[in-house]
């Protein structure tokens, strides 16, 4: 059965922009910011290396600048790092799956 509603009478549900964006703390993804602060405070208070707080702050500023241009930068790089384990574009001698057909360079490494 075809809908008898015209496009102008279809129901529209507004979605708030904050539901679509990543949650950040001072411009950095929340998980990364919490991990950075926790490690910095643990090293500073536990080992007495107070200069580590400056290094953590610098890391936070760099992460905020990267996130300003692309908020999904960490997920993209993580995806690429995991993909490298699954995809090897170079042919190898020991390959069994997806071998080239006869006459198309089968058995060659180029």
N, C-alpha and C. Protein backbone atom coordinates (compact mmCIF):
# COMPACT_ATOMS: atom_id res chain seq x y z
N UNK A 1 0.85 -1.18 0.00
CA UNK A 1 0.00 0.00 0.00
C UNK A 1 0.89 1.24 0.00
N UNK A 2 0.62 2.14 -0.89
CA UNK A 2 1.42 3.34 -1.03
C UNK A 2 0.93 4.41 -0.07
N UNK A 3 1.88 5.16 0.46
CA UNK A 3 1.53 6.21 1.41
C UNK A 3 0.79 7.33 0.69
N UNK A 4 -0.24 7.81 1.32
CA UNK A 4 -1.03 8.88 0.73
C UNK A 4 -0.61 10.25 1.25
N UNK A 5 0.38 10.29 2.14
CA UNK A 5 0.84 11.56 2.67
C UNK A 5 1.78 12.24 1.69
N UNK A 6 1.64 13.52 1.58
CA UNK A 6 2.55 14.27 0.75
C UNK A 6 3.82 14.58 1.55
N UNK A 7 4.94 14.82 0.86
CA UNK A 7 6.18 15.11 1.59
C UNK A 7 6.07 16.28 2.54
N UNK A 8 5.22 17.25 2.24
CA UNK A 8 5.10 18.42 3.11
C UNK A 8 4.35 18.09 4.40
N UNK A 9 3.61 16.99 4.42
CA UNK A 9 2.85 16.64 5.62
C UNK A 9 3.52 15.51 6.41
N UNK A 10 4.69 15.06 5.96
CA UNK A 10 5.38 14.01 6.70
C UNK A 10 5.88 14.55 8.03
N UNK A 11 5.96 13.68 9.00
CA UNK A 11 6.38 14.07 10.33
C UNK A 11 7.90 14.27 10.37
N UNK A 12 8.33 15.29 11.06
CA UNK A 12 9.76 15.61 11.17
C UNK A 12 10.12 15.67 12.65
N UNK A 13 11.18 14.96 13.02
CA UNK A 13 11.62 14.95 14.40
C UNK A 13 12.96 15.68 14.51
N UNK A 14 13.02 16.75 15.27
CA UNK A 14 14.29 17.47 15.41
C UNK A 14 15.27 16.69 16.28
N UNK A 15 16.52 16.72 15.90
CA UNK A 15 17.58 16.07 16.67
C UNK A 15 18.55 17.15 17.11
N UNK A 16 18.82 17.19 18.40
CA UNK A 16 19.73 18.21 18.91
C UNK A 16 21.16 17.91 18.47
N UNK A 17 21.88 18.95 18.16
CA UNK A 17 23.24 18.80 17.63
C UNK A 17 24.19 18.11 18.60
N UNK A 18 23.97 18.28 19.90
CA UNK A 18 24.85 17.67 20.88
C UNK A 18 24.75 16.15 20.89
N UNK A 19 23.66 15.60 20.40
CA UNK A 19 23.52 14.15 20.32
C UNK A 19 24.34 13.55 19.19
N UNK A 20 24.71 14.37 18.23
CA UNK A 20 25.47 13.90 17.08
C UNK A 20 26.96 14.12 17.22
N UNK A 21 27.35 15.02 18.08
CA UNK A 21 28.76 15.35 18.24
C UNK A 21 29.41 14.53 19.34
N UNK A 22 30.72 14.45 19.29
CA UNK A 22 31.48 13.73 20.28
C UNK A 22 31.56 14.52 21.58
N UNK A 23 31.53 13.82 22.70
CA UNK A 23 31.66 14.48 24.00
C UNK A 23 33.13 14.82 24.23
N UNK A 24 33.42 16.08 24.55
CA UNK A 24 34.80 16.52 24.72
C UNK A 24 34.99 17.19 26.07
N UNK A 25 36.25 17.21 26.50
CA UNK A 25 36.65 17.94 27.69
C UNK A 25 37.76 18.89 27.24
N UNK A 26 37.45 20.17 27.25
CA UNK A 26 38.39 21.22 26.81
C UNK A 26 38.90 20.94 25.40
N UNK A 27 38.03 20.46 24.51
CA UNK A 27 38.37 20.26 23.12
C UNK A 27 38.96 18.91 22.77
N UNK A 28 39.13 18.03 23.76
CA UNK A 28 39.72 16.71 23.53
C UNK A 28 38.66 15.66 23.87
N UNK A 29 38.68 14.58 23.12
CA UNK A 29 37.73 13.49 23.40
C UNK A 29 37.79 13.12 24.88
N UNK A 30 36.64 12.88 25.49
CA UNK A 30 36.58 12.72 26.94
C UNK A 30 37.45 11.56 27.45
N UNK A 31 37.46 10.43 26.79
CA UNK A 31 38.26 9.29 27.26
C UNK A 31 39.75 9.61 27.24
N UNK A 32 40.19 10.26 26.17
CA UNK A 32 41.60 10.61 26.05
C UNK A 32 42.00 11.66 27.08
N UNK A 33 41.14 12.64 27.33
CA UNK A 33 41.44 13.68 28.31
C UNK A 33 41.50 13.11 29.72
N UNK A 34 40.58 12.21 30.05
CA UNK A 34 40.59 11.60 31.38
C UNK A 34 41.81 10.71 31.57
N UNK A 35 42.18 9.96 30.54
CA UNK A 35 43.37 9.12 30.61
C UNK A 35 44.63 9.98 30.79
N UNK A 36 44.73 11.05 30.04
CA UNK A 36 45.88 11.95 30.13
C UNK A 36 45.99 12.56 31.52
N UNK A 37 44.88 13.06 32.06
CA UNK A 37 44.91 13.69 33.38
C UNK A 37 45.21 12.68 34.47
N UNK A 38 44.64 11.49 34.38
CA UNK A 38 44.87 10.46 35.40
C UNK A 38 46.33 10.04 35.43
N UNK A 39 46.90 9.77 34.26
CA UNK A 39 48.31 9.38 34.22
C UNK A 39 49.23 10.50 34.68
N UNK A 40 48.91 11.72 34.29
CA UNK A 40 49.75 12.85 34.69
C UNK A 40 49.72 13.04 36.20
N UNK A 41 48.55 12.97 36.80
CA UNK A 41 48.47 13.13 38.26
C UNK A 41 49.10 11.96 38.99
N UNK A 42 48.95 10.75 38.47
CA UNK A 42 49.56 9.58 39.10
C UNK A 42 51.08 9.68 39.07
N UNK A 43 51.64 10.09 37.95
CA UNK A 43 53.09 10.21 37.86
C UNK A 43 53.58 11.38 38.71
N UNK A 44 52.87 12.49 38.68
CA UNK A 44 53.30 13.67 39.43
C UNK A 44 53.24 13.44 40.93
N UNK A 45 52.16 12.87 41.42
CA UNK A 45 52.01 12.69 42.86
C UNK A 45 52.71 11.42 43.35
N UNK A 46 52.71 10.39 42.54
CA UNK A 46 53.31 9.13 42.96
C UNK A 46 54.82 9.14 42.90
N UNK A 47 55.36 9.59 41.81
CA UNK A 47 56.81 9.57 41.64
C UNK A 47 57.46 10.92 41.93
N UNK A 48 56.65 11.95 42.12
CA UNK A 48 57.20 13.27 42.42
C UNK A 48 57.78 13.97 41.21
N UNK A 49 57.41 13.53 40.02
CA UNK A 49 57.89 14.16 38.78
C UNK A 49 56.89 15.23 38.36
N UNK A 50 56.99 16.38 38.99
CA UNK A 50 56.01 17.43 38.77
C UNK A 50 56.10 18.05 37.38
N UNK A 51 57.25 17.94 36.74
CA UNK A 51 57.37 18.48 35.38
C UNK A 51 56.51 17.68 34.40
N UNK A 52 56.08 16.48 34.79
CA UNK A 52 55.24 15.66 33.93
C UNK A 52 53.89 16.36 33.66
N UNK A 53 53.46 17.20 34.60
CA UNK A 53 52.21 17.94 34.39
C UNK A 53 52.32 18.88 33.19
N UNK A 54 53.50 19.47 32.98
CA UNK A 54 53.70 20.33 31.81
C UNK A 54 53.65 19.51 30.52
N UNK A 55 54.25 18.32 30.55
CA UNK A 55 54.21 17.46 29.37
C UNK A 55 52.78 17.02 29.07
N UNK A 56 52.00 16.71 30.10
CA UNK A 56 50.61 16.31 29.91
C UNK A 56 49.78 17.47 29.37
N UNK A 57 50.07 18.67 29.86
CA UNK A 57 49.36 19.85 29.35
C UNK A 57 49.68 20.09 27.87
N UNK A 58 50.96 19.93 27.52
CA UNK A 58 51.35 20.09 26.11
C UNK A 58 50.67 19.03 25.24
N UNK A 59 50.61 17.80 25.73
CA UNK A 59 49.92 16.74 24.99
C UNK A 59 48.44 17.06 24.81
N UNK A 60 47.83 17.64 25.85
CA UNK A 60 46.42 18.01 25.76
C UNK A 60 46.21 19.11 24.72
N UNK A 61 47.11 20.08 24.68
CA UNK A 61 46.99 21.17 23.69
C UNK A 61 47.13 20.61 22.28
N UNK A 62 48.07 19.70 22.07
CA UNK A 62 48.25 19.11 20.74
C UNK A 62 47.01 18.30 20.35
N UNK A 63 46.46 17.53 21.28
CA UNK A 63 45.26 16.75 20.99
C UNK A 63 44.06 17.65 20.70
N UNK A 64 43.98 18.78 21.40
CA UNK A 64 42.88 19.72 21.15
C UNK A 64 43.00 20.34 19.76
N UNK A 65 44.22 20.65 19.34
CA UNK A 65 44.40 21.21 17.99
C UNK A 65 44.06 20.19 16.91
N UNK A 66 44.47 18.93 17.13
CA UNK A 66 44.11 17.89 16.16
C UNK A 66 42.60 17.69 16.12
N UNK A 67 41.98 17.70 17.28
CA UNK A 67 40.53 17.49 17.35
C UNK A 67 39.72 18.66 16.83
N UNK A 68 40.31 19.84 16.79
CA UNK A 68 39.58 20.99 16.28
C UNK A 68 39.30 20.85 14.79
N UNK A 69 40.24 20.28 14.06
CA UNK A 69 40.07 20.12 12.62
C UNK A 69 39.27 18.87 12.27
N UNK A 70 39.48 17.79 13.02
CA UNK A 70 38.76 16.54 12.78
C UNK A 70 38.51 15.86 14.12
N UNK A 71 37.28 15.95 14.66
CA UNK A 71 37.01 15.38 15.97
C UNK A 71 37.13 13.85 16.01
N UNK A 72 37.09 13.21 14.89
CA UNK A 72 37.13 11.74 14.85
C UNK A 72 38.52 11.23 14.51
N UNK A 73 39.56 12.05 14.71
CA UNK A 73 40.91 11.69 14.28
C UNK A 73 41.41 10.43 14.99
N UNK A 74 41.12 10.27 16.28
CA UNK A 74 41.60 9.09 17.00
C UNK A 74 40.93 7.82 16.49
N UNK A 75 39.64 7.87 16.22
CA UNK A 75 38.95 6.68 15.71
C UNK A 75 39.45 6.31 14.33
N UNK A 76 39.76 7.30 13.51
CA UNK A 76 40.26 7.02 12.16
C UNK A 76 41.62 6.34 12.22
N UNK A 77 42.54 6.89 13.02
CA UNK A 77 43.86 6.28 13.13
C UNK A 77 43.80 4.91 13.79
N UNK A 78 42.92 4.73 14.76
CA UNK A 78 42.76 3.42 15.38
C UNK A 78 42.23 2.42 14.37
N UNK A 79 41.29 2.84 13.54
CA UNK A 79 40.77 1.96 12.50
C UNK A 79 41.84 1.55 11.50
N UNK A 80 42.68 2.49 11.11
CA UNK A 80 43.78 2.16 10.20
C UNK A 80 44.77 1.20 10.84
N UNK A 81 45.06 1.40 12.12
CA UNK A 81 46.01 0.53 12.81
C UNK A 81 45.46 -0.89 12.90
N UNK A 82 44.17 -1.04 13.14
CA UNK A 82 43.58 -2.38 13.22
C UNK A 82 43.45 -3.01 11.84
N UNK A 83 43.23 -2.19 10.82
CA UNK A 83 43.07 -2.71 9.47
C UNK A 83 44.37 -3.30 8.95
N UNK A 84 45.49 -2.78 9.37
CA UNK A 84 46.76 -3.27 8.85
C UNK A 84 46.99 -4.72 9.22
N UNK A 85 46.40 -5.19 10.29
CA UNK A 85 46.54 -6.59 10.67
C UNK A 85 45.71 -7.50 9.78
N UNK A 86 44.68 -6.96 9.15
CA UNK A 86 43.77 -7.80 8.37
C UNK A 86 44.03 -7.74 6.87
N UNK A 87 44.63 -6.68 6.39
CA UNK A 87 44.78 -6.49 4.95
C UNK A 87 46.25 -6.35 4.59
N UNK A 88 46.74 -7.22 3.76
CA UNK A 88 48.11 -7.15 3.28
C UNK A 88 48.05 -7.08 1.76
N UNK A 89 48.32 -5.92 1.16
CA UNK A 89 48.14 -5.78 -0.29
C UNK A 89 49.24 -6.44 -1.12
N UNK A 90 50.34 -6.86 -0.49
CA UNK A 90 51.46 -7.39 -1.26
C UNK A 90 51.34 -8.89 -1.43
N UNK A 91 51.51 -9.38 -2.67
CA UNK A 91 51.44 -10.83 -2.87
C UNK A 91 52.66 -11.53 -2.26
N UNK A 92 52.44 -12.70 -1.73
CA UNK A 92 53.50 -13.49 -1.11
C UNK A 92 53.53 -14.88 -1.74
N UNK A 93 54.65 -15.56 -1.63
CA UNK A 93 54.76 -16.91 -2.19
C UNK A 93 53.83 -17.89 -1.48
N UNK A 94 53.62 -17.70 -0.19
CA UNK A 94 52.83 -18.65 0.59
C UNK A 94 51.32 -18.38 0.50
N UNK A 95 50.87 -17.45 -0.33
CA UNK A 95 49.44 -17.14 -0.42
C UNK A 95 48.67 -18.31 -0.98
N UNK A 96 47.58 -18.64 -0.36
CA UNK A 96 46.71 -19.71 -0.84
C UNK A 96 45.38 -19.15 -1.35
N UNK A 97 44.83 -18.20 -0.62
CA UNK A 97 43.54 -17.63 -1.00
C UNK A 97 43.71 -16.56 -2.07
N UNK A 98 42.74 -16.42 -2.91
CA UNK A 98 42.68 -15.36 -3.92
C UNK A 98 43.91 -15.35 -4.82
N UNK A 99 44.33 -16.52 -5.25
CA UNK A 99 45.48 -16.58 -6.14
C UNK A 99 45.08 -16.07 -7.52
N UNK A 100 46.04 -15.52 -8.22
CA UNK A 100 45.77 -15.01 -9.57
C UNK A 100 45.52 -16.17 -10.52
N UNK A 101 44.68 -15.95 -11.51
CA UNK A 101 44.44 -17.01 -12.49
C UNK A 101 45.65 -17.23 -13.39
N UNK A 102 45.71 -18.38 -14.04
CA UNK A 102 46.81 -18.69 -14.95
C UNK A 102 46.87 -17.63 -16.06
N UNK A 103 48.08 -17.23 -16.41
CA UNK A 103 48.26 -16.23 -17.46
C UNK A 103 48.21 -14.81 -16.97
N UNK A 104 47.93 -14.59 -15.68
CA UNK A 104 47.86 -13.23 -15.13
C UNK A 104 48.92 -13.04 -14.05
N UNK A 105 50.10 -13.57 -14.28
CA UNK A 105 51.21 -13.39 -13.35
C UNK A 105 51.13 -14.29 -12.15
N UNK A 106 50.50 -15.43 -12.28
CA UNK A 106 50.36 -16.34 -11.15
C UNK A 106 51.75 -16.85 -10.74
N UNK A 107 52.05 -16.77 -9.45
CA UNK A 107 53.33 -17.23 -8.92
C UNK A 107 54.42 -16.17 -8.97
N UNK A 108 54.14 -14.99 -9.50
CA UNK A 108 55.14 -13.92 -9.52
C UNK A 108 54.94 -13.00 -8.32
N UNK A 109 55.99 -12.36 -7.88
CA UNK A 109 55.91 -11.45 -6.75
C UNK A 109 55.75 -9.98 -7.17
N UNK A 110 55.30 -9.74 -8.38
CA UNK A 110 55.15 -8.35 -8.79
C UNK A 110 53.71 -8.05 -9.12
